Amino acid sequence: MTSARTRERLVARLREQGITDNEVLERIRSVPRHALPIGHGQTISQPYIVARMTQSLLEAGKPRKVLEVGTGCGYQSAVLAPLVATLYSVERIAALQVKAHAQAKVVAML
């Protein structure tokens, strides 16, 4: 996802798939997924999954605290962090934890 046009197509596709929360769509549009390599035998969640999980979490209102288990590359964290009051994230692979912390403004990496 390197170009603005590609990101707009992604957002349009997510809308077609039922993602309706404009804040979630804006975060997906603005977080550079291509800049978050993962490695270490881990995979990155598809944008639809990240958008759906985030939208589901926000449906009852913005939670004050969120615990994310399995930070990975930090893509979900980067999408979610500005939408909640406090985000805590846990990652067992130290190298991924360091990369993710640099990418997302997470209060604490546990």
C-alpha atoms as a PDB file:
ATOM      1  CA  MET A   1       0.000   0.000   0.000  1.00  0.00           C
ATOM      2  CA  THR A   2       2.292   2.694  -1.169  1.00  0.00           C
ATOM      3  CA  SER A   3       0.123   5.171  -3.039  1.00  0.00           C
ATOM      4  CA  ALA A   4      -2.821   7.292  -1.981  1.00  0.00           C
ATOM      5  CA  ARG A   5      -4.825   5.708  -4.779  1.00  0.00           C
ATOM      6  CA  THR A   6      -4.126   2.213  -3.456  1.00  0.00           C
ATOM      7  CA  ARG A   7      -5.161   3.273   0.043  1.00  0.00           C
ATOM      8  CA  GLU A   8      -8.395   4.764  -1.277  1.00  0.00           C
ATOM      9  CA  ARG A   9      -9.170   1.495  -3.075  1.00  0.00           C
ATOM     10  CA  LEU A  10      -8.547  -0.371   0.174  1.00  0.00           C
ATOM     11  CA  VAL A  11     -10.917   1.924   2.082  1.00  0.00           C
ATOM     12  CA  ALA A  12     -13.560   1.535  -0.643  1.00  0.00           C
ATOM     13  CA  ARG A  13     -13.198  -2.257  -0.482  1.00  0.00           C
ATOM     14  CA  LEU A  14     -13.505  -2.200   3.328  1.00  0.00           C
ATOM     15  CA  ARG A  15     -16.691  -0.116   3.032  1.00  0.00           C
ATOM     16  CA  GLU A  16     -18.085  -2.713   0.612  1.00  0.00           C
ATOM     17  CA  GLN A  17     -17.232  -5.416   3.163  1.00  0.00           C
ATOM     18  CA  GLY A  18     -19.240  -3.675   5.882  1.00  0.00           C
ATOM     19  CA  ILE A  19     -16.757  -1.429   7.679  1.00  0.00           C
ATOM     20  CA  THR A  20     -18.753   1.726   8.419  1.00  0.00           C
ATOM     21  CA  ASP A  21     -16.871   3.483  11.225  1.00  0.00           C
ATOM     22  CA  ASN A  22     -15.264   6.558   9.652  1.00  0.00           C
ATOM     23  CA  GLU A  23     -12.581   6.845  12.344  1.00  0.00           C
ATOM     24  CA  VAL A  24     -11.523   3.248  11.716  1.00  0.00           C
ATOM     25  CA  LEU A  25     -11.465   3.810   7.963  1.00  0.00           C
ATOM     26  CA  GLU A  26      -9.377   6.953   8.393  1.00  0.00           C
ATOM     27  CA  ARG A  27      -6.849   5.091  10.552  1.00  0.00           C
ATOM     28  CA  ILE A  28      -6.615   2.294   7.977  1.00  0.00           C
ATOM     29  CA  ARG A  29      -6.124   4.956   5.300  1.00  0.00           C
ATOM     30  CA  SER A  30      -3.365   6.721   7.234  1.00  0.00           C
ATOM     31  CA  VAL A  31      -1.331   3.878   8.797  1.00  0.00           C
ATOM     32  CA  PRO A  32       1.399   2.738   6.382  1.00  0.00           C
ATOM     33  CA  ARG A  33       1.023  -1.031   6.485  1.00  0.00           C
ATOM     34  CA  HIS A  34       3.829  -1.561   3.953  1.00  0.00           C
ATOM     35  CA  ALA A  35       6.282   0.108   6.340  1.00  0.00           C
ATOM     36  CA  LEU A  36       5.735  -2.497   9.034  1.00  0.00           C
ATOM     37  CA  PRO A  37       7.703  -5.619   8.083  1.00  0.00           C
ATOM     38  CA  ILE A  38       7.139  -8.494  10.473  1.00  0.00           C
ATOM     39  CA  GLY A  39       9.567 -11.404  10.025  1.00  0.00           C
ATOM     40  CA  HIS A  40      10.320 -13.864  12.855  1.00  0.00           C
ATOM     41  CA  GLY A  41       7.907 -16.402  11.398  1.00  0.00           C
ATOM     42  CA  GLN A  42       4.903 -14.207  12.185  1.00  0.00           C
ATOM     43  CA  THR A  43       2.157 -12.958   9.882  1.00  0.00           C
ATOM     44  CA  ILE A  44       0.393  -9.611   9.717  1.00  0.00           C
ATOM     45  CA  SER A  45      -3.390  -9.460   9.920  1.00  0.00           C
ATOM     46  CA  GLN A  46      -5.281  -8.465   6.804  1.00  0.00           C
ATOM     47  CA  PRO A  47      -6.606  -4.879   6.828  1.00  0.00           C
ATOM     48  CA  TYR A  48     -10.211  -6.165   6.906  1.00  0.00           C
ATOM     49  CA  ILE A  49      -9.542  -8.158  10.072  1.00  0.00           C
ATOM     50  CA  VAL A  50      -7.853  -5.193  11.764  1.00  0.00           C
ATOM     51  CA  ALA A  51     -10.698  -2.869  10.708  1.00  0.00           C
ATOM     52  CA  ARG A  52     -13.409  -5.322  11.805  1.00  0.00           C
ATOM     53  CA  MET A  53     -11.829  -6.002  15.201  1.00  0.00           C
ATOM     54  CA  THR A  54     -11.362  -2.275  15.796  1.00  0.00           C
ATOM     55  CA  GLN A  55     -14.892  -1.398  14.698  1.00  0.00           C
ATOM     56  CA  SER A  56     -16.325  -4.168  16.911  1.00  0.00           C
ATOM     57  CA  LEU A  57     -14.348  -2.923  19.897  1.00  0.00           C
ATOM     58  CA  LEU A  58     -15.616   0.631  19.433  1.00  0.00           C
ATOM     59  CA  GLU A  59     -19.290  -0.248  18.878  1.00  0.00           C
ATOM     60  CA  ALA A  60     -20.193   0.142  22.548  1.00  0.00           C
ATOM     61  CA  GLY A  61     -18.207   3.386  22.845  1.00  0.00           C
ATOM     62  CA  LYS A  62     -14.516   4.091  23.198  1.00  0.00           C
ATOM     63  CA  PRO A  63     -12.993   1.942  25.924  1.00  0.00           C
ATOM     64  CA  ARG A  64     -10.722   3.569  28.491  1.00  0.00           C
ATOM     65  CA  LYS A  65      -8.201   0.718  28.512  1.00  0.00           C
ATOM     66  CA  VAL A  66      -7.376  -1.977  25.952  1.00  0.00           C
ATOM     67  CA  LEU A  67      -4.988  -4.914  26.336  1.00  0.00           C
ATOM     68  CA  GLU A  68      -3.676  -6.277  23.055  1.00  0.00           C
ATOM     69  CA  VAL A  69      -2.031  -9.701  23.231  1.00  0.00           C
ATOM     70  CA  GLY A  70       0.399 -10.434  20.403  1.00  0.00           C
ATOM     71  CA  THR A  71       1.512  -7.027  19.158  1.00  0.00           C
ATOM     72  CA  GLY A  72       3.349  -8.444  16.154  1.00  0.00           C
ATOM     73  CA  CYS A  73       4.505  -5.625  13.902  1.00  0.00           C
ATOM     74  CA  GLY A  74       2.298  -3.083  15.647  1.00  0.00           C
ATOM     75  CA  TYR A  75      -0.162  -2.519  12.780  1.00  0.00           C
ATOM     76  CA  GLN A  76      -3.244  -3.168  14.935  1.00  0.00           C
ATOM     77  CA  SER A  77      -1.688  -1.054  17.696  1.00  0.00           C
ATOM     78  CA  ALA A  78      -1.027   1.817  15.296  1.00  0.00           C
ATOM     79  CA  VAL A  79      -4.612   1.695  14.040  1.00  0.00           C
ATOM     80  CA  LEU A  80      -6.139   1.386  17.509  1.00  0.00           C
ATOM     81  CA  ALA A  81      -3.969   3.624  19.723  1.00  0.00           C
ATOM     82  CA  PRO A  82      -5.455   7.014  18.741  1.00  0.00           C
ATOM     83  CA  LEU A  83      -8.988   5.664  19.104  1.00  0.00           C
ATOM     84  CA  VAL A  84      -8.788   4.552  22.755  1.00  0.00           C
ATOM     85  CA  ALA A  85      -7.706   6.259  25.952  1.00  0.00           C
ATOM     86  CA  THR A  86      -4.945   3.793  26.881  1.00  0.00           C
ATOM     87  CA  LEU A  87      -3.520   0.859  24.942  1.00  0.00           C
ATOM     88  CA  TYR A  88      -1.347  -1.791  26.545  1.00  0.00           C
ATOM     89  CA  SER A  89       0.234  -4.390  24.308  1.00  0.00           C
ATOM     90  CA  VAL A  90       2.075  -7.658  24.953  1.00  0.00           C
ATOM     91  CA  GLU A  91       4.551  -9.283  22.552  1.00  0.00           C
ATOM     92  CA  ARG A  92       6.712 -12.307  23.394  1.00  0.00           C
ATOM     93  CA  ILE A  93       9.271 -11.794  20.589  1.00  0.00           C
ATOM     94  CA  ALA A  94      11.614  -9.057  21.795  1.00  0.00           C
ATOM     95  CA  ALA A  95      12.663  -7.866  18.324  1.00  0.00           C
ATOM     96  CA  LEU A  96       9.021  -7.408  17.294  1.00  0.00           C
ATOM     97  CA  GLN A  97       8.272  -5.624  20.539  1.00  0.00           C
ATOM     98  CA  VAL A  98      10.992  -3.076  19.862  1.00  0.00           C
ATOM     99  CA  LYS A  99       9.821  -2.447  16.276  1.00  0.00           C
ATOM    100  CA  ALA A 100       6.168  -2.200  17.251  1.00  0.00           C
ATOM    101  CA  HIS A 101       6.869   0.195  20.093  1.00  0.00           C
ATOM    102  CA  ALA A 102       8.635   2.515  17.657  1.00  0.00           C
ATOM    103  CA  GLN A 103       5.654   2.411  15.262  1.00  0.00           C
ATOM    104  CA  ALA A 104       2.712   2.794  17.631  1.00  0.00           C
ATOM    105  CA  LYS A 105       2.254   5.221  20.456  1.00  0.00           C
ATOM    106  CA  VAL A 106       1.559   2.517  22.997  1.00  0.00           C
ATOM    107  CA  VAL A 107       1.612   3.501  26.656  1.00  0.00           C
ATOM    108  CA  ALA A 108       3.365   0.366  27.827  1.00  0.00           C
ATOM    109  CA  MET A 109       4.750  -2.726  26.164  1.00  0.00           C
ATOM    110  CA  LEU A 110       4.427  -5.485  28.733  1.00  0.00           C
END
